[in-house]
Amino acid sequence: MEMIADYEKTDLGRIEIAPEVIEVITGLAASEVEGVAHMSGGFVGDIAERLGRKNLAKGVKVEVGKKEAAVDVYLIVEYGYKIPEVARNIQDNVRNAIENMTGLRVVEVNVHIVDVEFKSERKLDVEEPHQRVR
């Protein structure tokens, strides 16, 4: 169940933060961590991105309450990095980003490593398309 965080009432009204905002903050904070190759949005999310739709919340699931948030992050790690260290850095970066930007208390940051990417795979993704053979 997704809820809009409704945790502050001012003289002028309520302040609400949509779960999609938490997802974007989480995705950006996780992708900043060294060793993260990219976020994993699953098959449908990856196809949408290849079609040109940039999804900053790719690979993120969020549960938001009135004062707390819990997030799940699905990502691919670069080969050669210590996975437990990368995961802890993601947890710290995500928690800090959400708490500093929204004031919500983060109760969980669950990190799901779904694959490892080798540098040779990454290089193939950014190479120019092959020349046509005539």
Protein backbone atom coordinates (compact mmCIF):
# COMPACT_ATOMS: atom_id res chain seq x y z
CA MET A 1 0.00 0.00 0.00
CA GLU A 2 1.42 3.36 -0.99
CA MET A 3 0.64 6.35 1.15
CA ILE A 4 1.54 9.97 0.82
CA ALA A 5 3.73 11.06 3.70
CA ASP A 6 1.68 13.56 5.69
CA TYR A 7 3.90 14.41 8.57
CA GLU A 8 3.81 18.13 8.97
CA LYS A 9 1.02 20.61 9.34
CA THR A 10 1.74 24.33 9.21
CA ASP A 11 -0.41 27.42 9.64
CA LEU A 12 -0.92 27.40 5.88
CA GLY A 13 -1.74 23.71 5.47
CA ARG A 14 -0.19 20.27 5.20
CA ILE A 15 3.09 19.25 3.64
CA GLU A 16 2.82 15.98 1.73
CA ILE A 17 5.56 14.01 -0.02
CA ALA A 18 4.53 11.50 -2.68
CA PRO A 19 6.17 8.06 -2.60
CA GLU A 20 7.52 8.71 -6.12
CA VAL A 21 9.67 11.51 -4.66
CA ILE A 22 11.19 9.08 -2.15
CA GLU A 23 11.82 6.62 -5.01
CA VAL A 24 13.71 9.21 -7.05
CA ILE A 25 15.79 10.34 -4.05
CA THR A 26 16.61 6.69 -3.31
CA GLY A 27 17.58 5.88 -6.89
CA LEU A 28 19.85 8.90 -7.21
CA ALA A 29 21.49 8.33 -3.82
CA ALA A 30 22.13 4.64 -4.54
CA SER A 31 23.55 5.27 -8.01
CA GLU A 32 26.05 7.80 -6.57
CA VAL A 33 27.83 5.04 -4.62
CA GLU A 34 31.11 3.81 -6.06
CA GLY A 35 30.80 0.24 -7.30
CA VAL A 36 27.18 0.52 -8.44
CA ALA A 37 27.07 -0.29 -12.15
CA HIS A 38 23.39 0.66 -12.48
CA MET A 39 19.98 0.14 -11.00
CA SER A 40 17.92 -2.89 -12.01
CA GLY A 41 14.36 -2.18 -13.01
CA GLY A 42 13.58 -5.70 -14.12
CA PHE A 43 12.71 -6.68 -17.66
CA VAL A 44 9.91 -4.13 -18.25
CA GLY A 45 11.87 -1.24 -16.69
CA ASP A 46 14.96 -2.04 -18.75
CA ILE A 47 12.96 -2.13 -22.00
CA ALA A 48 11.31 1.21 -21.21
CA GLU A 49 14.72 2.77 -20.59
CA ARG A 50 16.09 1.42 -23.88
CA LEU A 51 13.14 3.10 -25.60
CA GLY A 52 14.33 6.42 -24.25
CA ARG A 53 12.33 6.82 -21.04
CA LYS A 54 14.71 7.75 -18.25
CA ASN A 55 13.39 6.36 -14.99
CA LEU A 56 15.13 7.83 -11.94
CA ALA A 57 13.17 5.51 -9.65
CA LYS A 58 14.28 2.39 -11.52
CA GLY A 59 15.04 -0.52 -9.20
CA VAL A 60 13.41 1.06 -6.13
CA LYS A 61 10.40 0.04 -4.05
CA VAL A 62 9.21 2.30 -1.23
CA GLU A 63 6.81 2.04 1.69
CA VAL A 64 6.01 5.39 3.24
CA GLY A 65 4.13 6.06 6.45
CA LYS A 66 3.36 9.33 8.19
CA LYS A 67 6.81 9.72 9.72
CA GLU A 68 8.84 6.76 8.47
CA ALA A 69 9.96 5.15 5.23
CA ALA A 70 11.35 1.76 4.24
CA VAL A 71 13.00 1.17 0.87
CA ASP A 72 14.18 -1.75 -1.23
CA VAL A 73 16.91 -1.13 -3.80
CA TYR A 74 17.65 -3.55 -6.67
CA LEU A 75 20.95 -3.00 -8.46
CA ILE A 76 23.92 -4.37 -10.33
CA VAL A 77 27.41 -4.08 -8.85
CA GLU A 78 30.62 -3.61 -10.82
CA TYR A 79 32.96 -6.60 -10.69
CA GLY A 80 35.88 -6.19 -8.30
CA TYR A 81 34.10 -4.22 -5.57
CA LYS A 82 33.41 -5.69 -2.13
CA ILE A 83 29.67 -6.25 -2.21
CA PRO A 84 29.06 -5.91 1.57
CA GLU A 85 30.96 -2.61 1.56
CA VAL A 86 29.05 -1.28 -1.46
CA ALA A 87 25.75 -2.34 0.16
CA ARG A 88 26.58 -0.58 3.45
CA ASN A 89 27.55 2.58 1.56
CA ILE A 90 24.25 2.44 -0.32
CA GLN A 91 22.33 2.06 2.94
CA ASP A 92 24.12 5.05 4.48
CA ASN A 93 23.80 7.27 1.40
CA VAL A 94 20.12 6.46 0.87
CA ARG A 95 19.22 6.94 4.54
CA ASN A 96 21.06 10.26 4.73
CA ALA A 97 19.53 11.56 1.50
CA ILE A 98 15.95 10.68 2.44
CA GLU A 99 16.22 11.93 6.02
CA ASN A 100 17.95 15.18 5.04
CA MET A 101 15.61 16.00 2.16
CA THR A 102 12.27 14.90 3.63
CA GLY A 103 12.58 14.71 7.41
CA LEU A 104 11.18 11.16 7.32
CA ARG A 105 12.93 8.58 9.50
CA VAL A 106 14.28 5.69 7.43
CA VAL A 107 13.67 2.40 9.22
CA GLU A 108 15.01 0.05 6.52
CA VAL A 109 17.17 0.18 3.43
CA ASN A 110 17.18 -3.32 1.96
CA VAL A 111 19.82 -3.76 -0.75
CA HIS A 112 19.27 -6.51 -3.33
CA ILE A 113 22.28 -7.25 -5.57
CA VAL A 114 20.79 -8.90 -8.65
CA ASP A 115 23.89 -9.16 -10.86
CA VAL A 116 27.56 -8.33 -11.31
CA GLU A 117 28.72 -6.38 -14.34
CA PHE A 118 32.15 -6.88 -15.86
CA LYS A 119 33.99 -3.91 -17.37
CA SER A 120 34.05 -5.61 -20.77
CA GLU A 121 30.20 -5.76 -20.72
CA ARG A 122 30.00 -2.07 -19.85
CA LYS A 123 32.39 -1.17 -22.67
CA LEU A 124 30.24 -3.06 -25.17
CA ASP A 125 27.17 -1.10 -24.04
CA VAL A 126 28.78 2.27 -24.89
CA GLU A 127 30.62 1.35 -28.08
CA GLU A 128 29.43 2.77 -31.36
CA PRO A 129 27.13 0.53 -33.42
CA HIS A 130 28.97 -1.82 -35.73
CA GLN A 131 29.56 -0.73 -39.30
CA ARG A 132 27.37 -2.43 -41.86
CA VAL A 133 29.07 -5.06 -43.91
CA ARG A 134 28.60 -4.50 -47.64
